[in-house]
Amino acid sequence: MSTVSLAERIYAAVRTIPRGKVATYSQIAALAGNCNLRRYVGNVLHKNPDNSMTPCHRVVNAKGCCSGSFAFGGPRAQQEKLETEGVAFTAGHVDMTRFCITEDDFQCMEMEMEEHDG
């Protein structure tokens, strides 16, 4: 049985998001073990102790909106970080068809999570 906390699993899942891509709160919750905990994911990411190690700016809602309370400077700061990585926005939203993780990305991320749980 793993002694890794749910918060640690969430941070580990976020670290698997490829640069230049985004994932939704629900996708991160699923990678962490429970797809119904998307609000909990948001709460955990708001308390992220090290954004340089855990890029929580890569997590957006299902519509591609940045967090209204992005813990490190508000939604504009989150958008700027994503744009720096090449993520494009249309009318203030991430272009989810181009930049949201794909099913293949998700499967690779799951494999990384399994290695993390190792």
N, C-alpha and C. Protein backbone atom coordinates (compact mmCIF):
# COMPACT_ATOMS: atom_id res chain seq x y z
N MET A 1 0.84 -1.19 0.00
CA MET A 1 0.00 0.00 0.00
C MET A 1 0.88 1.25 0.00
N SER A 2 0.53 2.23 -0.82
CA SER A 2 1.32 3.44 -0.96
C SER A 2 1.07 4.39 0.21
N THR A 3 2.12 5.06 0.64
CA THR A 3 2.00 6.05 1.70
C THR A 3 2.02 7.47 1.12
N VAL A 4 1.94 7.58 -0.20
CA VAL A 4 1.95 8.88 -0.86
C VAL A 4 0.59 9.54 -0.65
N SER A 5 0.59 10.79 -0.19
CA SER A 5 -0.67 11.49 0.05
C SER A 5 -1.34 11.85 -1.28
N LEU A 6 -2.63 12.13 -1.20
CA LEU A 6 -3.36 12.52 -2.40
C LEU A 6 -2.78 13.82 -2.97
N ALA A 7 -2.43 14.75 -2.12
CA ALA A 7 -1.83 16.01 -2.60
C ALA A 7 -0.53 15.73 -3.34
N GLU A 8 0.30 14.84 -2.81
CA GLU A 8 1.55 14.49 -3.49
C GLU A 8 1.28 13.85 -4.84
N ARG A 9 0.23 13.01 -4.93
CA ARG A 9 -0.14 12.39 -6.21
C ARG A 9 -0.61 13.45 -7.21
N ILE A 10 -1.33 14.44 -6.73
CA ILE A 10 -1.79 15.53 -7.60
C ILE A 10 -0.59 16.29 -8.13
N TYR A 11 0.34 16.65 -7.25
CA TYR A 11 1.54 17.36 -7.71
C TYR A 11 2.34 16.51 -8.69
N ALA A 12 2.44 15.22 -8.43
CA ALA A 12 3.16 14.32 -9.35
C ALA A 12 2.46 14.28 -10.71
N ALA A 13 1.13 14.25 -10.71
CA ALA A 13 0.37 14.24 -11.96
C ALA A 13 0.60 15.53 -12.75
N VAL A 14 0.59 16.65 -12.07
CA VAL A 14 0.82 17.94 -12.74
C VAL A 14 2.21 17.99 -13.36
N ARG A 15 3.18 17.41 -12.68
CA ARG A 15 4.55 17.40 -13.23
C ARG A 15 4.66 16.58 -14.51
N THR A 16 3.68 15.75 -14.82
CA THR A 16 3.73 14.95 -16.05
C THR A 16 3.12 15.67 -17.25
N ILE A 17 2.49 16.82 -17.04
CA ILE A 17 1.89 17.55 -18.17
C ILE A 17 3.03 18.06 -19.05
N PRO A 18 3.01 17.69 -20.33
CA PRO A 18 4.08 18.14 -21.22
C PRO A 18 4.08 19.67 -21.38
N ARG A 19 5.26 20.23 -21.50
CA ARG A 19 5.40 21.67 -21.77
C ARG A 19 4.65 21.99 -23.07
N GLY A 20 3.91 23.09 -23.07
CA GLY A 20 3.15 23.47 -24.25
C GLY A 20 1.79 22.82 -24.34
N LYS A 21 1.39 22.13 -23.28
CA LYS A 21 0.07 21.49 -23.21
C LYS A 21 -0.60 21.90 -21.91
N VAL A 22 -1.91 21.69 -21.84
CA VAL A 22 -2.65 21.89 -20.61
C VAL A 22 -3.46 20.63 -20.31
N ALA A 23 -3.84 20.50 -19.06
CA ALA A 23 -4.75 19.44 -18.63
C ALA A 23 -5.85 20.10 -17.80
N THR A 24 -6.97 19.43 -17.70
CA THR A 24 -8.08 19.95 -16.90
C THR A 24 -7.96 19.43 -15.47
N TYR A 25 -8.69 20.09 -14.58
CA TYR A 25 -8.73 19.65 -13.19
C TYR A 25 -9.22 18.20 -13.11
N SER A 26 -10.21 17.85 -13.93
CA SER A 26 -10.74 16.48 -13.92
C SER A 26 -9.70 15.47 -14.39
N GLN A 27 -8.93 15.83 -15.41
CA GLN A 27 -7.89 14.91 -15.89
C GLN A 27 -6.83 14.69 -14.81
N ILE A 28 -6.44 15.74 -14.12
CA ILE A 28 -5.45 15.58 -13.05
C ILE A 28 -6.04 14.75 -11.91
N ALA A 29 -7.30 14.98 -11.58
CA ALA A 29 -7.95 14.18 -10.55
C ALA A 29 -7.95 12.70 -10.94
N ALA A 30 -8.23 12.41 -12.21
CA ALA A 30 -8.24 11.02 -12.68
C ALA A 30 -6.85 10.41 -12.56
N LEU A 31 -5.83 11.16 -12.95
CA LEU A 31 -4.46 10.65 -12.83
C LEU A 31 -4.07 10.40 -11.38
N ALA A 32 -4.61 11.22 -10.49
CA ALA A 32 -4.30 11.07 -9.06
C ALA A 32 -5.11 9.96 -8.41
N GLY A 33 -6.12 9.46 -9.13
CA GLY A 33 -6.84 8.31 -8.60
C GLY A 33 -8.33 8.48 -8.40
N ASN A 34 -8.88 9.70 -8.58
CA ASN A 34 -10.31 9.87 -8.39
C ASN A 34 -10.79 11.06 -9.22
N CYS A 35 -11.44 10.77 -10.34
CA CYS A 35 -11.85 11.82 -11.28
C CYS A 35 -12.90 12.77 -10.69
N ASN A 36 -13.49 12.43 -9.56
CA ASN A 36 -14.50 13.28 -8.94
C ASN A 36 -13.92 14.36 -8.03
N LEU A 37 -12.62 14.40 -7.90
CA LEU A 37 -12.00 15.34 -6.96
C LEU A 37 -11.43 16.58 -7.63
N ARG A 38 -12.06 17.04 -8.70
CA ARG A 38 -11.50 18.19 -9.43
C ARG A 38 -11.43 19.45 -8.56
N ARG A 39 -12.39 19.67 -7.69
CA ARG A 39 -12.33 20.85 -6.80
C ARG A 39 -11.18 20.71 -5.81
N TYR A 40 -10.98 19.51 -5.33
CA TYR A 40 -9.85 19.27 -4.42
C TYR A 40 -8.54 19.55 -5.14
N VAL A 41 -8.44 19.16 -6.40
CA VAL A 41 -7.24 19.45 -7.19
C VAL A 41 -6.98 20.95 -7.20
N GLY A 42 -8.01 21.74 -7.44
CA GLY A 42 -7.87 23.19 -7.43
C GLY A 42 -7.37 23.72 -6.10
N ASN A 43 -7.91 23.18 -5.02
CA ASN A 43 -7.47 23.60 -3.69
C ASN A 43 -6.01 23.25 -3.44
N VAL A 44 -5.62 22.06 -3.83
CA VAL A 44 -4.23 21.63 -3.65
C VAL A 44 -3.28 22.50 -4.48
N LEU A 45 -3.67 22.76 -5.73
CA LEU A 45 -2.80 23.55 -6.60
C LEU A 45 -2.68 24.99 -6.10
N HIS A 46 -3.71 25.50 -5.46
CA HIS A 46 -3.65 26.84 -4.90
C HIS A 46 -2.59 26.93 -3.80
N LYS A 47 -2.28 25.80 -3.19
CA LYS A 47 -1.28 25.75 -2.11
C LYS A 47 0.06 25.21 -2.59
N ASN A 48 0.26 25.12 -3.89
CA ASN A 48 1.48 24.58 -4.47
C ASN A 48 2.72 25.24 -3.85
N PRO A 49 3.56 24.47 -3.19
CA PRO A 49 4.72 25.06 -2.52
C PRO A 49 5.87 25.45 -3.46
N ASP A 50 5.88 24.93 -4.69
CA ASP A 50 7.02 25.19 -5.57
C ASP A 50 6.59 25.14 -7.03
N ASN A 51 6.17 26.29 -7.57
CA ASN A 51 5.69 26.34 -8.94
C ASN A 51 6.79 26.03 -9.95
N SER A 52 8.05 26.24 -9.60
CA SER A 52 9.11 25.91 -10.54
C SER A 52 9.25 24.40 -10.72
N MET A 53 8.85 23.64 -9.70
CA MET A 53 8.92 22.18 -9.77
C MET A 53 7.59 21.57 -10.23
N THR A 54 6.49 22.18 -9.82
CA THR A 54 5.16 21.68 -10.14
C THR A 54 4.42 22.77 -10.91
N PRO A 55 4.39 22.67 -12.23
CA PRO A 55 3.85 23.75 -13.07
C PRO A 55 2.32 23.79 -13.08
N CYS A 56 1.74 24.23 -11.97
CA CYS A 56 0.28 24.24 -11.87
C CYS A 56 -0.38 25.20 -12.86
N HIS A 57 0.40 26.07 -13.48
CA HIS A 57 -0.18 26.96 -14.50
C HIS A 57 -0.67 26.17 -15.71
N ARG A 58 -0.27 24.91 -15.84
CA ARG A 58 -0.70 24.08 -16.97
C ARG A 58 -2.06 23.43 -16.74
N VAL A 59 -2.71 23.74 -15.63
CA VAL A 59 -4.02 23.16 -15.33
C VAL A 59 -5.08 24.25 -15.49
N VAL A 60 -6.07 23.97 -16.32
CA VAL A 60 -7.16 24.91 -16.60
C VAL A 60 -8.49 24.18 -16.44
N ASN A 61 -9.58 24.95 -16.48
CA ASN A 61 -10.87 24.27 -16.39
C ASN A 61 -11.23 23.64 -17.74
N ALA A 62 -12.33 22.92 -17.78
CA ALA A 62 -12.70 22.16 -18.98
C ALA A 62 -12.95 23.05 -20.20
N LYS A 63 -13.24 24.33 -19.98
CA LYS A 63 -13.47 25.26 -21.08
C LYS A 63 -12.19 25.97 -21.51
N GLY A 64 -11.09 25.70 -20.81
CA GLY A 64 -9.82 26.33 -21.15
C GLY A 64 -9.57 27.64 -20.45
N CYS A 65 -10.37 27.93 -19.44
CA CYS A 65 -10.19 29.18 -18.70
C CYS A 65 -9.09 29.04 -17.65
N CYS A 66 -8.33 30.10 -17.51
CA CYS A 66 -7.33 30.15 -16.44
C CYS A 66 -8.04 30.35 -15.11
N SER A 67 -7.34 30.01 -14.05
CA SER A 67 -7.89 30.15 -12.72
C SER A 67 -8.08 31.62 -12.37
N GLY A 68 -9.21 31.96 -11.81
CA GLY A 68 -9.45 33.33 -11.38
C GLY A 68 -8.60 33.71 -10.19
N SER A 69 -8.06 32.70 -9.52
CA SER A 69 -7.24 32.98 -8.33
C SER A 69 -5.88 32.32 -8.45
N PHE A 70 -5.32 32.31 -9.65
CA PHE A 70 -4.02 31.68 -9.84
C PHE A 70 -3.09 32.13 -8.73
N ALA A 71 -2.57 31.18 -8.00
CA ALA A 71 -1.85 31.44 -6.75
C ALA A 71 -0.60 32.30 -6.93
N PHE A 72 -0.14 32.46 -8.13
CA PHE A 72 1.11 33.18 -8.32
C PHE A 72 0.95 34.41 -9.20
N GLY A 73 -0.14 35.15 -8.99
CA GLY A 73 -0.28 36.41 -9.70
C GLY A 73 -1.57 36.61 -10.47
N GLY A 74 -2.54 35.76 -10.34
CA GLY A 74 -3.82 35.93 -11.01
C GLY A 74 -3.87 35.29 -12.38
N PRO A 75 -5.05 35.35 -13.03
CA PRO A 75 -5.24 34.65 -14.30
C PRO A 75 -4.33 35.18 -15.41
N ARG A 76 -4.02 36.46 -15.40
CA ARG A 76 -3.14 37.00 -16.45
C ARG A 76 -1.75 36.38 -16.35
N ALA A 77 -1.25 36.20 -15.14
CA ALA A 77 0.07 35.58 -14.95
C ALA A 77 0.05 34.15 -15.47
N GLN A 78 -1.04 33.43 -15.22
CA GLN A 78 -1.15 32.06 -15.71
C GLN A 78 -1.15 32.05 -17.23
N GLN A 79 -1.92 32.94 -17.83
CA GLN A 79 -1.97 33.00 -19.30
C GLN A 79 -0.59 33.33 -19.85
N GLU A 80 0.12 34.27 -19.24
CA GLU A 80 1.45 34.64 -19.73
C GLU A 80 2.42 33.46 -19.66
N LYS A 81 2.35 32.68 -18.57
CA LYS A 81 3.22 31.50 -18.46
C LYS A 81 2.91 30.50 -19.56
N LEU A 82 1.62 30.29 -19.83
CA LEU A 82 1.24 29.34 -20.88
C LEU A 82 1.65 29.84 -22.26
N GLU A 83 1.46 31.13 -22.52
CA GLU A 83 1.85 31.68 -23.81
C GLU A 83 3.36 31.57 -24.01
N THR A 84 4.12 31.72 -22.94
CA THR A 84 5.58 31.55 -23.03
C THR A 84 5.94 30.14 -23.48
N GLU A 85 5.10 29.18 -23.14
CA GLU A 85 5.32 27.78 -23.53
C GLU A 85 4.72 27.46 -24.90
N GLY A 86 4.12 28.46 -25.56
CA GLY A 86 3.57 28.24 -26.89
C GLY A 86 2.09 27.93 -26.94
N VAL A 87 1.40 27.99 -25.80
CA VAL A 87 -0.03 27.72 -25.75
C VAL A 87 -0.77 28.95 -26.25
N ALA A 88 -1.65 28.76 -27.22
CA ALA A 88 -2.41 29.87 -27.81
C ALA A 88 -3.77 30.02 -27.15
N PHE A 89 -4.23 31.25 -27.09
CA PHE A 89 -5.53 31.58 -26.52
C PHE A 89 -6.41 32.18 -27.59
N THR A 90 -7.70 31.89 -27.51
CA THR A 90 -8.70 32.47 -28.38
C THR A 90 -9.79 33.05 -27.48
N ALA A 91 -10.02 34.34 -27.59
CA ALA A 91 -11.04 35.02 -26.77
C ALA A 91 -10.85 34.73 -25.28
N GLY A 92 -9.59 34.73 -24.84
CA GLY A 92 -9.29 34.57 -23.42
C GLY A 92 -9.29 33.14 -22.91
N HIS A 93 -9.44 32.16 -23.80
CA HIS A 93 -9.45 30.75 -23.42
C HIS A 93 -8.35 30.01 -24.16
N VAL A 94 -7.82 28.97 -23.52
CA VAL A 94 -6.87 28.10 -24.21
C VAL A 94 -7.60 27.43 -25.36
N ASP A 95 -6.95 27.32 -26.48
CA ASP A 95 -7.49 26.57 -27.62
C ASP A 95 -7.36 25.09 -27.26
N MET A 96 -8.41 24.54 -26.65
CA MET A 96 -8.36 23.19 -26.10
C MET A 96 -8.19 22.11 -27.18
N THR A 97 -8.68 22.37 -28.38
CA THR A 97 -8.53 21.37 -29.43
C THR A 97 -7.06 21.20 -29.82
N ARG A 98 -6.27 22.23 -29.66
CA ARG A 98 -4.86 22.16 -30.03
C ARG A 98 -3.94 21.89 -28.84
N PHE A 99 -4.30 22.35 -27.64
CA PHE A 99 -3.33 22.35 -26.56
C PHE A 99 -3.69 21.50 -25.35
N CYS A 100 -4.90 20.97 -25.30
CA CYS A 100 -5.23 20.06 -24.19
C CYS A 100 -4.55 18.71 -24.45
N ILE A 101 -4.15 18.05 -23.39
CA ILE A 101 -3.50 16.75 -23.56
C ILE A 101 -4.43 15.81 -24.33
N THR A 102 -3.83 14.97 -25.12
CA THR A 102 -4.58 13.98 -25.91
C THR A 102 -4.71 12.69 -25.10
N GLU A 103 -5.46 11.75 -25.63
CA GLU A 103 -5.57 10.44 -24.99
C GLU A 103 -4.20 9.77 -24.92
N ASP A 104 -3.40 9.91 -25.98
CA ASP A 104 -2.04 9.35 -25.96
C ASP A 104 -1.19 10.01 -24.88
N ASP A 105 -1.30 11.34 -24.76
CA ASP A 105 -0.58 12.05 -23.69
C ASP A 105 -1.01 11.50 -22.33
N PHE A 106 -2.34 11.34 -22.16
CA PHE A 106 -2.87 10.87 -20.89
C PHE A 106 -2.29 9.50 -20.54
N GLN A 107 -2.24 8.61 -21.53
CA GLN A 107 -1.70 7.26 -21.28
C GLN A 107 -0.22 7.33 -20.90
N CYS A 108 0.54 8.19 -21.56
CA CYS A 108 1.96 8.36 -21.20
C CYS A 108 2.09 8.91 -19.79
N MET A 109 1.21 9.85 -19.44
CA MET A 109 1.23 10.44 -18.11
C MET A 109 0.89 9.38 -17.05
N GLU A 110 -0.07 8.51 -17.38
CA GLU A 110 -0.41 7.41 -16.46
C GLU A 110 0.79 6.51 -16.22
N MET A 111 1.54 6.22 -17.29
CA MET A 111 2.73 5.38 -17.14
C MET A 111 3.76 6.08 -16.25
N GLU A 112 3.94 7.38 -16.42
CA GLU A 112 4.85 8.12 -15.55
C GLU A 112 4.39 8.07 -14.10
N MET A 113 3.08 8.15 -13.90
CA MET A 113 2.54 8.07 -12.53
C MET A 113 2.82 6.70 -11.93
N GLU A 114 2.68 5.65 -12.74
CA GLU A 114 2.97 4.30 -12.24
C GLU A 114 4.43 4.18 -11.83
N GLU A 115 5.32 4.78 -12.63
CA GLU A 115 6.74 4.77 -12.27
C GLU A 115 6.98 5.54 -10.99
N HIS A 116 6.26 6.65 -10.82
CA HIS A 116 6.37 7.46 -9.61
C HIS A 116 5.94 6.65 -8.39
N ASP A 117 4.87 5.85 -8.57
CA ASP A 117 4.35 5.03 -7.46
C ASP A 117 5.27 3.86 -7.17
N GLY A 118 6.03 3.46 -8.20
CA GLY A 118 6.97 2.39 -8.22
C GLY A 118 7.20 1.62 -7.05
